[in-house]
């Protein structure tokens, strides 16, 4: 009875990978050759390999045994610490280097600013020193070197106008004749005895000594007065000249024509036109009384 029961119980072939069962060996063998079974079997093997592998959580390296993983971790921890330390050093060094560079740039800029500021101060100092030296030299020249110079009032009084002077004005005109008169007297005096000096040709800056004091002649007021006084002296000797040359009163003679021209030139003009003529005389005279900035190199 037992044998019969056993014979009635069918055999079962089970594939756990595919959850497949059958009662025949031939069918089970066919199942083993199917693509489904091979795929499931391969997947299971891979999962087993992964589950049984020992992987380092820090560097993802895998080892077959726990001992191998443990030995690796001891070395891996040291490497990680060294790497972190090296990275920290690199970061620190980069930070220090960046800070150092920024400080150097800042210091360099501050140094440049300092140099520029010092250059400005030096230029200002040099300019002030030069101006002061020039001013000192001019004051020294006028008040010390030329302390014995003639006063302008004395210069005018000692003009001692001659007939040749007014005749020259008659021949060459007011501007040329007056220029020659003034320069002829100036040039007879030593440089240090002259009553006037030009210190700036471009601006026609004239210093005149009068009442024993050197002063700048603003707007050439004193020079215009000097020219007016000399012109008056010229007019005052015309009667004496006519007395010397009686023919000048005869309208039929060349002397008369010259006398008329001479008197016209000596009188000059009036108003603004007279001022224009006097300014020309001043410019001509200024060219010959210019002084150098250094007293020892005066050129006239």
C-alpha atoms as a PDB file:
ATOM      1  CA  UNK A   1       0.000   0.000   0.000  1.00  0.00           C
ATOM      2  CA  UNK A   2       2.864   2.361   0.928  1.00  0.00           C
ATOM      3  CA  UNK A   3       4.622   1.651  -2.356  1.00  0.00           C
ATOM      4  CA  UNK A   4       1.540   2.433  -4.321  1.00  0.00           C
ATOM      5  CA  UNK A   5       1.060   5.714  -2.519  1.00  0.00           C
ATOM      6  CA  UNK A   6       4.634   6.729  -3.214  1.00  0.00           C
ATOM      7  CA  UNK A   7       4.208   5.895  -6.879  1.00  0.00           C
ATOM      8  CA  UNK A   8       1.160   8.077  -7.075  1.00  0.00           C
ATOM      9  CA  UNK A   9       3.020  11.110  -5.636  1.00  0.00           C
ATOM     10  CA  UNK A  10       4.514  13.007  -8.648  1.00  0.00           C
ATOM     11  CA  UNK A  11       8.076  14.453  -8.544  1.00  0.00           C
ATOM     12  CA  UNK A  12       8.498  18.213  -8.558  1.00  0.00           C
ATOM     13  CA  UNK A  13      11.326  20.101 -10.243  1.00  0.00           C
ATOM     14  CA  UNK A  14      11.675  23.595  -8.782  1.00  0.00           C
ATOM     15  CA  UNK A  15      13.674  26.588 -10.124  1.00  0.00           C
ATOM     16  CA  UNK A  16      13.991  29.119  -7.324  1.00  0.00           C
ATOM     17  CA  UNK A  17      15.521  31.733  -9.589  1.00  0.00           C
ATOM     18  CA  UNK A  18      12.482  31.815 -11.835  1.00  0.00           C
ATOM     19  CA  UNK A  19       9.881  30.549  -9.332  1.00  0.00           C
ATOM     20  CA  UNK A  20       9.196  27.715 -11.765  1.00  0.00           C
ATOM     21  CA  UNK A  21       7.973  24.153 -10.969  1.00  0.00           C
ATOM     22  CA  UNK A  22       7.300  21.118 -13.118  1.00  0.00           C
ATOM     23  CA  UNK A  23       6.966  17.359 -12.740  1.00  0.00           C
ATOM     24  CA  UNK A  24       9.040  16.227 -15.675  1.00  0.00           C
ATOM     25  CA  UNK A  25      12.770  16.247 -16.004  1.00  0.00           C
ATOM     26  CA  UNK A  26      12.600  16.982 -19.702  1.00  0.00           C
ATOM     27  CA  UNK A  27      10.516  20.090 -19.160  1.00  0.00           C
ATOM     28  CA  UNK A  28      12.819  21.265 -16.385  1.00  0.00           C
ATOM     29  CA  UNK A  29      15.834  20.805 -18.675  1.00  0.00           C
ATOM     30  CA  UNK A  30      14.121  22.890 -21.337  1.00  0.00           C
ATOM     31  CA  UNK A  31      13.475  25.602 -18.748  1.00  0.00           C
ATOM     32  CA  UNK A  32      17.136  25.709 -17.803  1.00  0.00           C
ATOM     33  CA  UNK A  33      17.978  26.576 -21.412  1.00  0.00           C
ATOM     34  CA  UNK A  34      15.499  29.408 -21.707  1.00  0.00           C
ATOM     35  CA  UNK A  35      16.677  33.031 -21.921  1.00  0.00           C
ATOM     36  CA  UNK A  36      14.516  33.923 -18.971  1.00  0.00           C
ATOM     37  CA  UNK A  37      16.263  31.430 -16.752  1.00  0.00           C
ATOM     38  CA  UNK A  38      19.747  32.418 -17.881  1.00  0.00           C
ATOM     39  CA  UNK A  39      18.978  36.102 -17.297  1.00  0.00           C
ATOM     40  CA  UNK A  40      17.548  35.442 -13.831  1.00  0.00           C
ATOM     41  CA  UNK A  41      20.489  33.221 -12.913  1.00  0.00           C
ATOM     42  CA  UNK A  42      23.047  35.839 -14.019  1.00  0.00           C
ATOM     43  CA  UNK A  43      21.253  38.562 -12.053  1.00  0.00           C
ATOM     44  CA  UNK A  44      21.210  36.414  -8.933  1.00  0.00           C
ATOM     45  CA  UNK A  45      24.926  35.666  -9.215  1.00  0.00           C
ATOM     46  CA  UNK A  46      25.735  39.375  -9.576  1.00  0.00           C
ATOM     47  CA  UNK A  47      23.626  40.222  -6.554  1.00  0.00           C
ATOM     48  CA  UNK A  48      25.402  37.558  -4.567  1.00  0.00           C
ATOM     49  CA  UNK A  49      28.787  38.924  -5.602  1.00  0.00           C
ATOM     50  CA  UNK A  50      27.768  42.410  -4.623  1.00  0.00           C
ATOM     51  CA  UNK A  51      26.302  41.329  -1.328  1.00  0.00           C
ATOM     52  CA  UNK A  52      29.318  39.241  -0.448  1.00  0.00           C
ATOM     53  CA  UNK A  53      31.874  41.881  -1.575  1.00  0.00           C
ATOM     54  CA  UNK A  54      33.502  44.093   1.061  1.00  0.00           C
ATOM     55  CA  UNK A  55      33.576  47.729  -0.141  1.00  0.00           C
ATOM     56  CA  UNK A  56      35.414  50.690   1.358  1.00  0.00           C
ATOM     57  CA  UNK A  57      32.991  53.505   2.115  1.00  0.00           C
ATOM     58  CA  UNK A  58      35.711  56.144   1.662  1.00  0.00           C
ATOM     59  CA  UNK A  59      37.304  55.178  -1.632  1.00  0.00           C
ATOM     60  CA  UNK A  60      34.767  52.578  -2.978  1.00  0.00           C
ATOM     61  CA  UNK A  61      37.389  49.848  -3.347  1.00  0.00           C
ATOM     62  CA  UNK A  62      36.050  46.254  -2.978  1.00  0.00           C
ATOM     63  CA  UNK A  63      37.665  43.302  -1.227  1.00  0.00           C
ATOM     64  CA  UNK A  64      36.746  39.635  -1.047  1.00  0.00           C
ATOM     65  CA  UNK A  65      37.306  39.321   2.683  1.00  0.00           C
ATOM     66  CA  UNK A  66      36.577  41.409   5.716  1.00  0.00           C
ATOM     67  CA  UNK A  67      40.240  41.171   6.732  1.00  0.00           C
ATOM     68  CA  UNK A  68      41.334  42.659   3.430  1.00  0.00           C
ATOM     69  CA  UNK A  69      38.862  45.503   3.841  1.00  0.00           C
ATOM     70  CA  UNK A  70      40.041  46.115   7.421  1.00  0.00           C
ATOM     71  CA  UNK A  71      43.687  46.276   6.381  1.00  0.00           C
ATOM     72  CA  UNK A  72      42.762  48.643   3.584  1.00  0.00           C
ATOM     73  CA  UNK A  73      40.788  50.952   5.866  1.00  0.00           C
ATOM     74  CA  UNK A  74      43.790  51.481   8.130  1.00  0.00           C
ATOM     75  CA  UNK A  75      45.788  52.737   5.175  1.00  0.00           C
ATOM     76  CA  UNK A  76      42.866  54.555   3.596  1.00  0.00           C
ATOM     77  CA  UNK A  77      42.187  56.555   6.796  1.00  0.00           C
ATOM     78  CA  UNK A  78      45.801  57.685   6.858  1.00  0.00           C
ATOM     79  CA  UNK A  79      45.713  58.651   3.192  1.00  0.00           C
ATOM     80  CA  UNK A  80      42.487  60.554   3.652  1.00  0.00           C
ATOM     81  CA  UNK A  81      43.891  62.402   6.646  1.00  0.00           C
ATOM     82  CA  UNK A  82      47.048  63.258   4.728  1.00  0.00           C
ATOM     83  CA  UNK A  83      44.994  64.341   1.740  1.00  0.00           C
ATOM     84  CA  UNK A  84      42.751  66.497   3.891  1.00  0.00           C
ATOM     85  CA  UNK A  85      45.808  67.932   5.609  1.00  0.00           C
ATOM     86  CA  UNK A  86      47.474  68.605   2.267  1.00  0.00           C
ATOM     87  CA  UNK A  87      44.305  70.193   0.922  1.00  0.00           C
ATOM     88  CA  UNK A  88      44.048  72.302   4.050  1.00  0.00           C
ATOM     89  CA  UNK A  89      47.674  73.376   3.641  1.00  0.00           C
ATOM     90  CA  UNK A  90      47.098  74.199  -0.011  1.00  0.00           C
ATOM     91  CA  UNK A  91      44.002  76.193   0.862  1.00  0.00           C
ATOM     92  CA  UNK A  92      45.844  77.957   3.667  1.00  0.00           C
ATOM     93  CA  UNK A  93      48.851  78.661   1.465  1.00  0.00           C
ATOM     94  CA  UNK A  94      46.614  79.942  -1.334  1.00  0.00           C
ATOM     95  CA  UNK A  95      44.821  82.195   1.134  1.00  0.00           C
ATOM     96  CA  UNK A  96      48.087  83.465   2.583  1.00  0.00           C
ATOM     97  CA  UNK A  97      49.500  84.007  -0.901  1.00  0.00           C
ATOM     98  CA  UNK A  98      46.388  85.885  -2.010  1.00  0.00           C
ATOM     99  CA  UNK A  99      46.459  88.045   1.111  1.00  0.00           C
ATOM    100  CA  UNK A 100      50.161  88.700   0.654  1.00  0.00           C
ATOM    101  CA  UNK A 101      49.652  89.710  -2.970  1.00  0.00           C
ATOM    102  CA  UNK A 102      46.806  92.039  -2.021  1.00  0.00           C
ATOM    103  CA  UNK A 103      48.926  93.605   0.708  1.00  0.00           C
ATOM    104  CA  UNK A 104      51.818  94.061  -1.702  1.00  0.00           C
ATOM    105  CA  UNK A 105      49.515  95.661  -4.271  1.00  0.00           C
ATOM    106  CA  UNK A 106      48.096  97.977  -1.615  1.00  0.00           C
ATOM    107  CA  UNK A 107      51.559  98.875  -0.336  1.00  0.00           C
ATOM    108  CA  UNK A 108      52.769  99.449  -3.893  1.00  0.00           C
ATOM    109  CA  UNK A 109      49.853 101.790  -4.602  1.00  0.00           C
ATOM    110  CA  UNK A 110      50.464 103.648  -1.339  1.00  0.00           C
ATOM    111  CA  UNK A 111      54.129 103.951  -2.292  1.00  0.00           C
ATOM    112  CA  UNK A 112      53.210 105.340  -5.706  1.00  0.00           C
ATOM    113  CA  UNK A 113      50.846 107.848  -4.105  1.00  0.00           C
ATOM    114  CA  UNK A 114      53.607 108.867  -1.712  1.00  0.00           C
ATOM    115  CA  UNK A 115      56.081 109.353  -4.570  1.00  0.00           C
ATOM    116  CA  UNK A 116      53.556 111.474  -6.487  1.00  0.00           C
ATOM    117  CA  UNK A 117      52.827 113.565  -3.403  1.00  0.00           C
ATOM    118  CA  UNK A 118      56.517 114.052  -2.696  1.00  0.00           C
ATOM    119  CA  UNK A 119      57.098 114.987  -6.335  1.00  0.00           C
ATOM    120  CA  UNK A 120      54.375 117.627  -6.114  1.00  0.00           C
ATOM    121  CA  UNK A 121      55.833 119.006  -2.895  1.00  0.00           C
ATOM    122  CA  UNK A 122      59.323 118.950  -4.366  1.00  0.00           C
ATOM    123  CA  UNK A 123      58.130 120.787  -7.479  1.00  0.00           C
ATOM    124  CA  UNK A 124      56.315 123.349  -5.353  1.00  0.00           C
ATOM    125  CA  UNK A 125      59.359 123.746  -3.135  1.00  0.00           C
ATOM    126  CA  UNK A 126      61.664 124.134  -6.133  1.00  0.00           C
ATOM    127  CA  UNK A 127      59.329 126.659  -7.742  1.00  0.00           C
ATOM    128  CA  UNK A 128      59.037 128.621  -4.512  1.00  0.00           C
ATOM    129  CA  UNK A 129      62.787 128.479  -4.040  1.00  0.00           C
ATOM    130  CA  UNK A 130      63.380 129.624  -7.615  1.00  0.00           C
ATOM    131  CA  UNK A 131      60.862 132.441  -7.305  1.00  0.00           C
ATOM    132  CA  UNK A 132      62.295 133.499  -3.959  1.00  0.00           C
ATOM    133  CA  UNK A 133      65.823 133.400  -5.354  1.00  0.00           C
ATOM    134  CA  UNK A 134      64.799 135.463  -8.352  1.00  0.00           C
ATOM    135  CA  UNK A 135      63.007 137.940  -6.111  1.00  0.00           C
ATOM    136  CA  UNK A 136      65.997 138.053  -3.783  1.00  0.00           C
ATOM    137  CA  UNK A 137      68.402 138.572  -6.675  1.00  0.00           C
ATOM    138  CA  UNK A 138      66.288 141.396  -8.100  1.00  0.00           C
ATOM    139  CA  UNK A 139      65.981 143.115  -4.732  1.00  0.00           C
ATOM    140  CA  UNK A 140      69.692 142.701  -4.130  1.00  0.00           C
ATOM    141  CA  UNK A 141      70.512 144.053  -7.572  1.00  0.00           C
ATOM    142  CA  UNK A 142      68.300 147.123  -7.259  1.00  0.00           C
ATOM    143  CA  UNK A 143      68.784 148.002  -3.590  1.00  0.00           C
ATOM    144  CA  UNK A 144      72.400 146.979  -3.163  1.00  0.00           C
ATOM    145  CA  UNK A 145      74.194 146.836  -6.495  1.00  0.00           C
ATOM    146  CA  UNK A 146      72.293 149.844  -7.864  1.00  0.00           C
ATOM    147  CA  UNK A 147      71.930 151.752  -4.600  1.00  0.00           C
ATOM    148  CA  UNK A 148      73.853 154.718  -6.051  1.00  0.00           C
ATOM    149  CA  UNK A 149      71.764 154.916  -9.228  1.00  0.00           C
ATOM    150  CA  UNK A 150      70.530 158.316 -10.438  1.00  0.00           C
ATOM    151  CA  UNK A 151      66.972 159.359  -9.603  1.00  0.00           C
ATOM    152  CA  UNK A 152      64.635 159.752 -12.569  1.00  0.00           C
ATOM    153  CA  UNK A 153      64.025 163.415 -11.731  1.00  0.00           C
ATOM    154  CA  UNK A 154      67.779 164.076 -11.918  1.00  0.00           C
ATOM    155  CA  UNK A 155      68.014 162.172 -15.188  1.00  0.00           C
ATOM    156  CA  UNK A 156      65.341 164.403 -16.756  1.00  0.00           C
ATOM    157  CA  UNK A 157      66.902 167.614 -15.468  1.00  0.00           C
ATOM    158  CA  UNK A 158      70.284 166.617 -16.864  1.00  0.00           C
ATOM    159  CA  UNK A 159      69.058 165.790 -20.373  1.00  0.00           C
ATOM    160  CA  UNK A 160      70.758 168.935 -21.697  1.00  0.00           C
ATOM    161  CA  UNK A 161      68.864 168.920 -24.990  1.00  0.00           C
ATOM    162  CA  UNK A 162      70.964 169.902 -28.022  1.00  0.00           C
ATOM    163  CA  UNK A 163      70.013 171.246 -31.434  1.00  0.00           C
ATOM    164  CA  UNK A 164      71.163 167.941 -32.908  1.00  0.00           C
ATOM    165  CA  UNK A 165      68.443 166.184 -30.882  1.00  0.00           C
ATOM    166  CA  UNK A 166      65.540 168.155 -32.287  1.00  0.00           C
ATOM    167  CA  UNK A 167      67.054 168.083 -35.784  1.00  0.00           C
ATOM    168  CA  UNK A 168      67.173 164.274 -35.554  1.00  0.00           C
ATOM    169  CA  UNK A 169      63.485 164.290 -34.607  1.00  0.00           C
ATOM    170  CA  UNK A 170      62.816 166.566 -37.600  1.00  0.00           C
ATOM    171  CA  UNK A 171      64.533 164.132 -39.973  1.00  0.00           C
ATOM    172  CA  UNK A 172      63.438 160.738 -38.500  1.00  0.00           C
ATOM    173  CA  UNK A 173      60.167 161.484 -36.751  1.00  0.00           C
ATOM    174  CA  UNK A 174      58.967 161.640 -33.156  1.00  0.00           C
ATOM    175  CA  UNK A 175      59.382 157.957 -32.181  1.00  0.00           C
ATOM    176  CA  UNK A 176      62.876 157.397 -33.591  1.00  0.00           C
ATOM    177  CA  UNK A 177      64.152 160.811 -32.476  1.00  0.00           C
ATOM    178  CA  UNK A 178      62.881 160.484 -28.888  1.00  0.00           C
ATOM    179  CA  UNK A 179      64.238 156.929 -28.640  1.00  0.00           C
ATOM    180  CA  UNK A 180      67.694 158.082 -29.740  1.00  0.00           C
ATOM    181  CA  UNK A 181      67.643 160.968 -27.257  1.00  0.00           C
ATOM    182  CA  UNK A 182      66.807 158.802 -24.238  1.00  0.00           C
ATOM    183  CA  UNK A 183      69.159 155.923 -25.112  1.00  0.00           C
ATOM    184  CA  UNK A 184      72.081 158.241 -25.855  1.00  0.00           C
ATOM    185  CA  UNK A 185      71.883 159.530 -22.271  1.00  0.00           C
ATOM    186  CA  UNK A 186      71.223 156.096 -20.746  1.00  0.00           C
ATOM    187  CA  UNK A 187      74.224 154.502 -22.444  1.00  0.00           C
ATOM    188  CA  UNK A 188      76.607 157.119 -21.088  1.00  0.00           C
ATOM    189  CA  UNK A 189      75.789 155.897 -17.567  1.00  0.00           C
ATOM    190  CA  UNK A 190      77.207 152.812 -15.907  1.00  0.00           C
ATOM    191  CA  UNK A 191      74.623 150.032 -15.558  1.00  0.00           C
ATOM    192  CA  UNK A 192      74.499 150.436 -11.792  1.00  0.00           C
ATOM    193  CA  UNK A 193      73.935 154.219 -12.128  1.00  0.00           C
ATOM    194  CA  UNK A 194      70.976 154.083 -14.487  1.00  0.00           C
ATOM    195  CA  UNK A 195      67.596 155.271 -13.147  1.00  0.00           C
ATOM    196  CA  UNK A 196      65.566 152.507 -14.799  1.00  0.00           C
ATOM    197  CA  UNK A 197      65.816 148.796 -15.547  1.00  0.00           C
ATOM    198  CA  UNK A 198      63.530 146.408 -17.420  1.00  0.00           C
ATOM    199  CA  UNK A 199      63.105 143.061 -15.627  1.00  0.00           C
ATOM    200  CA  UNK A 200      60.568 141.453 -17.977  1.00  0.00           C
ATOM    201  CA  UNK A 201      60.676 142.179 -21.694  1.00  0.00           C
ATOM    202  CA  UNK A 202      57.426 140.369 -22.497  1.00  0.00           C
ATOM    203  CA  UNK A 203      55.388 142.265 -19.912  1.00  0.00           C
ATOM    204  CA  UNK A 204      57.464 145.454 -20.254  1.00  0.00           C
ATOM    205  CA  UNK A 205      58.049 145.514 -16.504  1.00  0.00           C
ATOM    206  CA  UNK A 206      60.111 148.573 -15.616  1.00  0.00           C
ATOM    207  CA  UNK A 207      61.615 149.521 -12.250  1.00  0.00           C
ATOM    208  CA  UNK A 208      62.378 153.200 -11.789  1.00  0.00           C
ATOM    209  CA  UNK A 209      64.340 154.913  -9.054  1.00  0.00           C
ATOM    210  CA  UNK A 210      62.900 158.152  -7.800  1.00  0.00           C
ATOM    211  CA  UNK A 211      63.284 159.875  -4.438  1.00  0.00           C
ATOM    212  CA  UNK A 212      66.015 157.301  -3.709  1.00  0.00           C
ATOM    213  CA  UNK A 213      63.528 154.402  -3.875  1.00  0.00           C
ATOM    214  CA  UNK A 214      63.224 151.676  -6.508  1.00  0.00           C
ATOM    215  CA  UNK A 215      59.604 151.035  -7.488  1.00  0.00           C
ATOM    216  CA  UNK A 216      57.813 149.140 -10.206  1.00  0.00           C
ATOM    217  CA  UNK A 217      56.373 151.536 -12.767  1.00  0.00           C
ATOM    218  CA  UNK A 218      52.770 150.331 -12.953  1.00  0.00           C
ATOM    219  CA  UNK A 219      51.248 150.992 -16.389  1.00  0.00           C
ATOM    220  CA  UNK A 220      54.426 152.934 -17.278  1.00  0.00           C
ATOM    221  CA  UNK A 221      53.041 156.086 -15.693  1.00  0.00           C
ATOM    222  CA  UNK A 222      56.466 157.476 -14.775  1.00  0.00           C
ATOM    223  CA  UNK A 223      57.905 156.683 -18.195  1.00  0.00           C
ATOM    224  CA  UNK A 224      55.079 158.567 -19.918  1.00  0.00           C
ATOM    225  CA  UNK A 225      55.751 161.493 -17.591  1.00  0.00           C
ATOM    226  CA  UNK A 226      59.476 161.338 -18.407  1.00  0.00           C
ATOM    227  CA  UNK A 227      58.784 161.416 -22.165  1.00  0.00           C
ATOM    228  CA  UNK A 228      56.394 164.340 -21.709  1.00  0.00           C
ATOM    229  CA  UNK A 229      59.038 166.309 -19.808  1.00  0.00           C
ATOM    230  CA  UNK A 230      61.685 165.656 -22.455  1.00  0.00           C
ATOM    231  CA  UNK A 231      59.250 166.645 -25.230  1.00  0.00           C
ATOM    232  CA  UNK A 232      58.611 169.909 -23.405  1.00  0.00           C
ATOM    233  CA  UNK A 233      62.374 170.579 -23.238  1.00  0.00           C
ATOM    234  CA  UNK A 234      62.593 169.936 -26.978  1.00  0.00           C
ATOM    235  CA  UNK A 235      59.897 172.483 -27.698  1.00  0.00           C
ATOM    236  CA  UNK A 236      61.543 175.022 -25.425  1.00  0.00           C
ATOM    237  CA  UNK A 237      64.772 175.221 -27.471  1.00  0.00           C
ATOM    238  CA  UNK A 238      63.092 175.632 -30.881  1.00  0.00           C
ATOM    239  CA  UNK A 239      63.174 179.462 -30.650  1.00  0.00           C
ATOM    240  CA  UNK A 240      66.918 179.294 -29.959  1.00  0.00           C
ATOM    241  CA  UNK A 241      67.361 177.028 -32.960  1.00  0.00           C
ATOM    242  CA  UNK A 242      65.435 179.479 -35.197  1.00  0.00           C
ATOM    243  CA  UNK A 243      67.607 182.319 -33.926  1.00  0.00           C
ATOM    244  CA  UNK A 244      70.658 180.327 -34.941  1.00  0.00           C
ATOM    245  CA  UNK A 245      69.195 179.744 -38.404  1.00  0.00           C
ATOM    246  CA  UNK A 246      67.496 182.985 -39.573  1.00  0.00           C
ATOM    247  CA  UNK A 247      66.669 181.403 -42.920  1.00  0.00           C
ATOM    248  CA  UNK A 248      64.131 179.227 -41.125  1.00  0.00           C
ATOM    249  CA  UNK A 249      61.860 182.262 -40.944  1.00  0.00           C
ATOM    250  CA  UNK A 250      62.001 182.827 -44.690  1.00  0.00           C
ATOM    251  CA  UNK A 251      59.192 180.969 -46.396  1.00  0.00           C
ATOM    252  CA  UNK A 252      61.188 180.787 -49.595  1.00  0.00           C
ATOM    253  CA  UNK A 253      64.034 178.703 -48.135  1.00  0.00           C
ATOM    254  CA  UNK A 254      64.450 174.957 -47.499  1.00  0.00           C
ATOM    255  CA  UNK A 255      65.303 175.774 -43.896  1.00  0.00           C
ATOM    256  CA  UNK A 256      61.797 177.084 -43.406  1.00  0.00           C
ATOM    257  CA  UNK A 257      60.276 173.822 -44.721  1.00  0.00           C
ATOM    258  CA  UNK A 258      62.532 171.787 -42.452  1.00  0.00           C
ATOM    259  CA  UNK A 259      61.668 173.991 -39.474  1.00  0.00           C
ATOM    260  CA  UNK A 260      57.954 173.386 -40.030  1.00  0.00           C
ATOM    261  CA  UNK A 261      58.502 169.598 -40.274  1.00  0.00           C
ATOM    262  CA  UNK A 262      60.770 169.598 -37.228  1.00  0.00           C
ATOM    263  CA  UNK A 263      58.293 171.522 -35.085  1.00  0.00           C
ATOM    264  CA  UNK A 264      55.474 169.211 -36.192  1.00  0.00           C
ATOM    265  CA  UNK A 265      57.515 166.112 -35.222  1.00  0.00           C
ATOM    266  CA  UNK A 266      58.742 167.595 -31.943  1.00  0.00           C
ATOM    267  CA  UNK A 267      55.184 168.398 -30.878  1.00  0.00           C
ATOM    268  CA  UNK A 268      54.116 164.841 -31.647  1.00  0.00           C
ATOM    269  CA  UNK A 269      50.350 164.490 -31.515  1.00  0.00           C
ATOM    270  CA  UNK A 270      47.506 164.757 -29.045  1.00  0.00           C
ATOM    271  CA  UNK A 271      45.284 162.463 -26.998  1.00  0.00           C
ATOM    272  CA  UNK A 272      45.283 158.738 -27.773  1.00  0.00           C
ATOM    273  CA  UNK A 273      47.555 159.164 -30.777  1.00  0.00           C
ATOM    274  CA  UNK A 274      50.189 160.784 -28.562  1.00  0.00           C
ATOM    275  CA  UNK A 275      49.888 157.889 -26.090  1.00  0.00           C
ATOM    276  CA  UNK A 276      50.369 155.439 -28.958  1.00  0.00           C
ATOM    277  CA  UNK A 277      53.550 157.226 -30.037  1.00  0.00           C
ATOM    278  CA  UNK A 278      54.907 157.294 -26.478  1.00  0.00           C
ATOM    279  CA  UNK A 279      54.228 153.553 -26.088  1.00  0.00           C
ATOM    280  CA  UNK A 280      56.369 152.909 -29.156  1.00  0.00           C
ATOM    281  CA  UNK A 281      59.207 154.908 -27.613  1.00  0.00           C
ATOM    282  CA  UNK A 282      58.890 152.909 -24.377  1.00  0.00           C
ATOM    283  CA  UNK A 283      59.071 149.594 -26.246  1.00  0.00           C
ATOM    284  CA  UNK A 284      62.185 150.735 -28.102  1.00  0.00           C
ATOM    285  CA  UNK A 285      63.910 151.867 -24.918  1.00  0.00           C
ATOM    286  CA  UNK A 286      62.907 148.705 -23.024  1.00  0.00           C
ATOM    287  CA  UNK A 287      64.856 146.538 -25.466  1.00  0.00           C
ATOM    288  CA  UNK A 288      68.083 148.249 -24.392  1.00  0.00           C
ATOM    289  CA  UNK A 289      67.629 148.409 -20.629  1.00  0.00           C
ATOM    290  CA  UNK A 290      66.728 144.772 -19.995  1.00  0.00           C
ATOM    291  CA  UNK A 291      68.622 143.112 -17.160  1.00  0.00           C
ATOM    292  CA  UNK A 292      69.333 139.391 -16.731  1.00  0.00           C
ATOM    293  CA  UNK A 293      67.877 137.566 -13.716  1.00  0.00           C
ATOM    294  CA  UNK A 294      71.343 137.161 -12.233  1.00  0.00           C
ATOM    295  CA  UNK A 295      73.059 140.438 -11.327  1.00  0.00           C
ATOM    296  CA  UNK A 296      76.475 139.179 -12.397  1.00  0.00           C
ATOM    297  CA  UNK A 297      75.315 138.449 -15.962  1.00  0.00           C
ATOM    298  CA  UNK A 298      73.570 141.687 -16.863  1.00  0.00           C
ATOM    299  CA  UNK A 299      73.363 142.298 -20.591  1.00  0.00           C
ATOM    300  CA  UNK A 300      72.377 145.619 -22.020  1.00  0.00           C
END
